[in-house]
Each structure stands twice: as C-alpha cells, then as structure tokens.
Amino acid sequence: MTTKKRPVNLDIGTIQLPITAYASILHRISGVALFFAAGIFLWVLDGSLSSSAGFDAIKECLQSPLAKLVIWGCLSFLAYHFVAGIRHLIMDMGVGESLEGGRTGAKLVFVCSVVLILLAGVWVW
C-alpha cells in the first residue's frame, strides 16, 4: 500500500479558480436567479391583467427606484445568462474547446455582458 503525499488545500479563500470556472459558476447562479425572477414577473403580469385599477397600481409601483433596481437586476441576470448560453452553444459546435479558447470565450462573455448590463441600466432609468 502506497501513501500519497499530495498537498491538501482546504482554505477556500486561497484557492485560485480559472476564469472559465467563474464564468460557469455565474452562469448557474444567473439561471437560478432567472427562475425566481420569472415568479416576480408572473406576479406583476397577473396584477396588471386583473383590472384597470390593478394595471395602474402596478404601473405606479414600477416607477419606484427599488422596482427599477429589481428590473435592472433581472435584466442583468438575463443578459449574462444569454451571453454565456451562446458561448456554450458555440462550444457545442466545436469552437473554442481548447484551454486558451475557453479562456478567450469566458473573457468575451464578461465583456459582452457588461456592455449589455450597462445598456439595460440606461434603458431602465
């Protein structure tokens, strides 16, 4: 029986993840956030379709800064998830499957997402 003398690092704060790992983790987080955002938007849709008074109440509620922040947050999750999903589709076609291609793709995802998130913020406000 051989014992391996491999180093064990259990300190989460010192583990260096590659950029591709961050892109993947954020893609999963944005997917979960969109699941809950769908519930919020369905509730808003139900309230706005209930009556003209309900529509007016929702319209007034959506003018508040907090509601605009929530909408911008949901659009931000959607933008990131969309761009990262496109990256996965491109990788499924065999493009960017190498280590360097994965890094470049992850960087492009972050850049494109930031641009879309900023544009969404301008549009909401």
C-alpha atoms as a PDB file:
ATOM      1  CA  MET A   1       0.000   0.000   0.000  1.00  0.00           C
ATOM      2  CA  THR A   2       1.447   3.321  -1.044  1.00  0.00           C
ATOM      3  CA  THR A   3       0.603   6.538   0.660  1.00  0.00           C
ATOM      4  CA  LYS A   4       0.452   9.604  -1.486  1.00  0.00           C
ATOM      5  CA  LYS A   5       1.962  12.786  -0.121  1.00  0.00           C
ATOM      6  CA  ARG A   6      -0.254  15.160  -2.073  1.00  0.00           C
ATOM      7  CA  PRO A   7      -0.829  18.637  -0.708  1.00  0.00           C
ATOM      8  CA  VAL A   8      -4.324  19.292   0.583  1.00  0.00           C
ATOM      9  CA  ASN A   9      -5.671  22.829   0.459  1.00  0.00           C
ATOM     10  CA  LEU A  10      -8.949  23.235   2.304  1.00  0.00           C
ATOM     11  CA  ASP A  11      -8.805  27.006   2.678  1.00  0.00           C
ATOM     12  CA  ILE A  12     -11.429  28.244   0.202  1.00  0.00           C
ATOM     13  CA  GLY A  13     -10.052  31.779   0.297  1.00  0.00           C
ATOM     14  CA  THR A  14      -6.696  30.739  -1.145  1.00  0.00           C
ATOM     15  CA  ILE A  15      -7.931  28.528  -3.998  1.00  0.00           C
ATOM     16  CA  GLN A  16      -7.322  30.201  -7.354  1.00  0.00           C
ATOM     17  CA  LEU A  17     -10.054  29.302  -9.826  1.00  0.00           C
ATOM     18  CA  PRO A  18      -9.566  29.892 -13.554  1.00  0.00           C
ATOM     19  CA  ILE A  19     -11.702  32.469 -15.344  1.00  0.00           C
ATOM     20  CA  THR A  20     -13.645  29.666 -17.027  1.00  0.00           C
ATOM     21  CA  ALA A  21     -14.762  28.419 -13.618  1.00  0.00           C
ATOM     22  CA  TYR A  22     -16.074  31.856 -12.677  1.00  0.00           C
ATOM     23  CA  ALA A  23     -17.942  32.070 -15.987  1.00  0.00           C
ATOM     24  CA  SER A  24     -19.533  28.669 -15.375  1.00  0.00           C
ATOM     25  CA  ILE A  25     -20.457  29.369 -11.751  1.00  0.00           C
ATOM     26  CA  LEU A  26     -22.020  32.725 -12.661  1.00  0.00           C
ATOM     27  CA  HIS A  27     -23.973  31.067 -15.482  1.00  0.00           C
ATOM     28  CA  ARG A  28     -25.531  28.678 -12.981  1.00  0.00           C
ATOM     29  CA  ILE A  29     -26.238  31.450 -10.470  1.00  0.00           C
ATOM     30  CA  SER A  30     -27.882  33.591 -13.150  1.00  0.00           C
ATOM     31  CA  GLY A  31     -30.058  30.624 -14.146  1.00  0.00           C
ATOM     32  CA  VAL A  32     -31.300  30.180 -10.581  1.00  0.00           C
ATOM     33  CA  ALA A  33     -31.901  33.926 -10.278  1.00  0.00           C
ATOM     34  CA  LEU A  34     -33.916  33.904 -13.512  1.00  0.00           C
ATOM     35  CA  PHE A  35     -36.056  31.079 -12.125  1.00  0.00           C
ATOM     36  CA  PHE A  36     -37.075  33.320  -9.217  1.00  0.00           C
ATOM     37  CA  ALA A  37     -37.343  36.396 -11.453  1.00  0.00           C
ATOM     38  CA  ALA A  38     -39.888  34.546 -13.577  1.00  0.00           C
ATOM     39  CA  GLY A  39     -42.077  34.281 -10.487  1.00  0.00           C
ATOM     40  CA  ILE A  40     -41.805  38.015  -9.861  1.00  0.00           C
ATOM     41  CA  PHE A  41     -42.669  38.854 -13.457  1.00  0.00           C
ATOM     42  CA  LEU A  42     -45.624  36.444 -13.474  1.00  0.00           C
ATOM     43  CA  TRP A  43     -46.941  38.098 -10.308  1.00  0.00           C
ATOM     44  CA  VAL A  44     -46.591  41.540 -11.941  1.00  0.00           C
ATOM     45  CA  LEU A  45     -48.296  40.279 -15.104  1.00  0.00           C
ATOM     46  CA  ASP A  46     -51.166  38.808 -13.090  1.00  0.00           C
ATOM     47  CA  GLY A  47     -51.641  42.061 -11.195  1.00  0.00           C
ATOM     48  CA  SER A  48     -51.567  44.159 -14.340  1.00  0.00           C
ATOM     49  CA  LEU A  49     -54.115  41.958 -16.129  1.00  0.00           C
ATOM     50  CA  SER A  50     -56.536  41.692 -13.201  1.00  0.00           C
ATOM     51  CA  SER A  51     -58.223  45.057 -13.786  1.00  0.00           C
ATOM     52  CA  SER A  52     -57.518  48.590 -14.920  1.00  0.00           C
ATOM     53  CA  ALA A  53     -57.012  49.582 -11.283  1.00  0.00           C
ATOM     54  CA  GLY A  54     -54.530  46.729 -10.889  1.00  0.00           C
ATOM     55  CA  PHE A  55     -52.714  47.893 -14.014  1.00  0.00           C
ATOM     56  CA  ASP A  56     -52.499  51.434 -12.670  1.00  0.00           C
ATOM     57  CA  ALA A  57     -51.216  50.163  -9.311  1.00  0.00           C
ATOM     58  CA  ILE A  58     -48.505  48.060 -10.963  1.00  0.00           C
ATOM     59  CA  LYS A  59     -47.564  50.926 -13.262  1.00  0.00           C
ATOM     60  CA  GLU A  60     -47.173  53.252 -10.283  1.00  0.00           C
ATOM     61  CA  CYS A  61     -45.212  50.635  -8.343  1.00  0.00           C
ATOM     62  CA  LEU A  62     -42.778  50.129 -11.216  1.00  0.00           C
ATOM     63  CA  GLN A  63     -41.836  53.818 -11.137  1.00  0.00           C
ATOM     64  CA  SER A  64     -40.102  53.469  -7.760  1.00  0.00           C
ATOM     65  CA  PRO A  65     -36.292  53.262  -7.653  1.00  0.00           C
ATOM     66  CA  LEU A  66     -36.420  49.895  -5.865  1.00  0.00           C
ATOM     67  CA  ALA A  67     -38.608  48.377  -8.590  1.00  0.00           C
ATOM     68  CA  LYS A  68     -36.293  49.772 -11.261  1.00  0.00           C
ATOM     69  CA  LEU A  69     -33.334  48.231  -9.434  1.00  0.00           C
ATOM     70  CA  VAL A  70     -35.090  44.844  -9.325  1.00  0.00           C
ATOM     71  CA  ILE A  71     -35.936  45.077 -13.036  1.00  0.00           C
ATOM     72  CA  TRP A  72     -32.361  46.050 -13.858  1.00  0.00           C
ATOM     73  CA  GLY A  73     -31.070  43.162 -11.754  1.00  0.00           C
ATOM     74  CA  CYS A  74     -33.337  40.708 -13.554  1.00  0.00           C
ATOM     75  CA  LEU A  75     -32.275  42.084 -16.930  1.00  0.00           C
ATOM     76  CA  SER A  76     -28.643  41.784 -15.835  1.00  0.00           C
ATOM     77  CA  PHE A  77     -29.107  38.119 -14.966  1.00  0.00           C
ATOM     78  CA  LEU A  78     -30.867  37.580 -18.283  1.00  0.00           C
ATOM     79  CA  ALA A  79     -28.109  39.315 -20.257  1.00  0.00           C
ATOM     80  CA  TYR A  80     -25.342  37.291 -18.606  1.00  0.00           C
ATOM     81  CA  HIS A  81     -27.218  34.005 -18.902  1.00  0.00           C
ATOM     82  CA  PHE A  82     -27.992  34.679 -22.566  1.00  0.00           C
ATOM     83  CA  VAL A  83     -24.399  35.531 -23.500  1.00  0.00           C
ATOM     84  CA  ALA A  84     -22.970  32.585 -21.544  1.00  0.00           C
ATOM     85  CA  GLY A  85     -25.551  30.297 -23.147  1.00  0.00           C
ATOM     86  CA  ILE A  86     -24.469  31.458 -26.598  1.00  0.00           C
ATOM     87  CA  ARG A  87     -20.891  30.626 -25.585  1.00  0.00           C
ATOM     88  CA  HIS A  88     -21.962  27.112 -24.628  1.00  0.00           C
ATOM     89  CA  LEU A  89     -23.788  26.665 -27.936  1.00  0.00           C
ATOM     90  CA  ILE A  90     -20.685  27.770 -29.847  1.00  0.00           C
ATOM     91  CA  MET A  91     -18.546  25.376 -27.807  1.00  0.00           C
ATOM     92  CA  ASP A  92     -21.026  22.572 -28.568  1.00  0.00           C
ATOM     93  CA  MET A  93     -20.264  23.164 -32.246  1.00  0.00           C
ATOM     94  CA  GLY A  94     -16.582  22.501 -31.533  1.00  0.00           C
ATOM     95  CA  VAL A  95     -15.319  26.085 -31.495  1.00  0.00           C
ATOM     96  CA  GLY A  96     -13.240  27.263 -28.539  1.00  0.00           C
ATOM     97  CA  GLU A  97     -12.912  23.906 -26.800  1.00  0.00           C
ATOM     98  CA  SER A  98      -9.200  24.301 -26.097  1.00  0.00           C
ATOM     99  CA  LEU A  99      -7.903  25.760 -22.855  1.00  0.00           C
ATOM    100  CA  GLU A 100      -6.982  29.054 -24.499  1.00  0.00           C
ATOM    101  CA  GLY A 101     -10.254  29.117 -26.445  1.00  0.00           C
ATOM    102  CA  GLY A 102     -12.172  28.610 -23.200  1.00  0.00           C
ATOM    103  CA  ARG A 103     -10.335  31.494 -21.557  1.00  0.00           C
ATOM    104  CA  THR A 104     -10.952  33.768 -24.516  1.00  0.00           C
ATOM    105  CA  GLY A 105     -14.624  32.782 -24.601  1.00  0.00           C
ATOM    106  CA  ALA A 106     -15.032  33.471 -20.888  1.00  0.00           C
ATOM    107  CA  LYS A 107     -13.422  36.899 -21.265  1.00  0.00           C
ATOM    108  CA  LEU A 108     -15.733  37.689 -24.196  1.00  0.00           C
ATOM    109  CA  VAL A 109     -18.721  36.627 -22.112  1.00  0.00           C
ATOM    110  CA  PHE A 110     -17.746  39.044 -19.358  1.00  0.00           C
ATOM    111  CA  VAL A 111     -17.110  41.951 -21.737  1.00  0.00           C
ATOM    112  CA  CYS A 112     -20.316  41.447 -23.733  1.00  0.00           C
ATOM    113  CA  SER A 113     -22.330  41.003 -20.548  1.00  0.00           C
ATOM    114  CA  VAL A 114     -21.012  44.206 -19.006  1.00  0.00           C
ATOM    115  CA  VAL A 115     -21.921  46.130 -22.159  1.00  0.00           C
ATOM    116  CA  LEU A 116     -25.448  44.649 -22.202  1.00  0.00           C
ATOM    117  CA  ILE A 117     -25.924  45.244 -18.475  1.00  0.00           C
ATOM    118  CA  LEU A 118     -24.901  48.891 -18.824  1.00  0.00           C
ATOM    119  CA  LEU A 119     -27.266  49.309 -21.776  1.00  0.00           C
ATOM    120  CA  ALA A 120     -30.062  47.730 -19.745  1.00  0.00           C
ATOM    121  CA  GLY A 121     -29.380  50.200 -16.932  1.00  0.00           C
ATOM    122  CA  VAL A 122     -29.614  53.116 -19.339  1.00  0.00           C
ATOM    123  CA  TRP A 123     -32.860  51.711 -20.746  1.00  0.00           C
ATOM    124  CA  VAL A 124     -34.478  51.138 -17.312  1.00  0.00           C
ATOM    125  CA  TRP A 125     -33.532  54.552 -15.965  1.00  0.00           C
END
